[in-house]
Amino acid sequence: TEGIIPALESAHAVSLAAEVAKAYRPEQSILINLSGRGDKDMHTVANALGVTL
């Protein structure tokens, strides 16, 4: 499947939506609006984790 890399700011919304979805019925939907480009944050995350890209 096609992956989605949200910006760091939007990633918090994705995480919360995944938690909230656990309480939803199968016929219910969740809509998340993403902004930014997560691919630009890869070096920031790698540095924080001590990973060399």
Protein backbone atom coordinates (compact mmCIF):
# COMPACT_ATOMS: atom_id res chain seq x y z
CA THR A 1 0.00 0.00 0.00
CA GLU A 2 0.99 3.61 -0.37
CA GLY A 3 2.53 5.02 2.78
CA ILE A 4 1.77 8.38 4.34
CA ILE A 5 4.49 10.35 6.12
CA PRO A 6 2.82 13.22 7.98
CA ALA A 7 4.73 16.24 9.24
CA LEU A 8 5.74 15.95 12.90
CA GLU A 9 2.99 18.40 13.92
CA SER A 10 0.31 16.33 12.16
CA ALA A 11 1.65 13.00 13.42
CA HIS A 12 0.16 13.70 16.86
CA ALA A 13 -3.31 13.86 15.28
CA VAL A 14 -2.77 10.54 13.53
CA SER A 15 -1.69 8.91 16.78
CA LEU A 16 -4.69 10.26 18.70
CA ALA A 17 -7.09 9.24 15.92
CA ALA A 18 -5.77 5.68 16.07
CA GLU A 19 -6.52 5.58 19.81
CA VAL A 20 -9.97 7.17 19.43
CA ALA A 21 -10.85 4.75 16.62
CA LYS A 22 -10.71 1.83 19.04
CA ALA A 23 -13.97 3.07 20.59
CA TYR A 24 -15.73 3.58 17.24
CA ARG A 25 -18.16 1.19 15.62
CA PRO A 26 -17.10 -0.27 12.23
CA GLU A 27 -19.61 1.91 10.36
CA GLN A 28 -18.20 5.11 11.87
CA SER A 29 -15.48 7.14 10.17
CA ILE A 30 -12.67 9.41 11.27
CA LEU A 31 -11.39 12.24 9.10
CA ILE A 32 -7.87 13.57 9.66
CA ASN A 33 -6.53 16.65 7.92
CA LEU A 34 -2.78 16.45 7.35
CA SER A 35 -0.45 19.27 6.47
CA GLY A 36 3.23 19.58 5.81
CA ARG A 37 5.72 17.13 4.40
CA GLY A 38 6.97 14.46 6.75
CA ASP A 39 9.81 13.52 4.42
CA LYS A 40 11.44 16.84 5.33
CA ASP A 41 11.48 15.76 9.01
CA MET A 42 13.35 12.48 8.47
CA HIS A 43 16.74 13.93 9.44
CA THR A 44 15.29 15.56 12.56
CA VAL A 45 13.84 12.25 13.72
CA ALA A 46 16.99 10.33 12.80
CA ASN A 47 19.14 12.73 14.81
CA ALA A 48 16.82 12.43 17.82
CA LEU A 49 17.05 8.63 17.65
CA GLY A 50 20.81 8.59 17.02
CA VAL A 51 20.35 7.01 13.59
CA THR A 52 22.52 7.84 10.60
CA LEU A 53 20.71 8.14 7.28
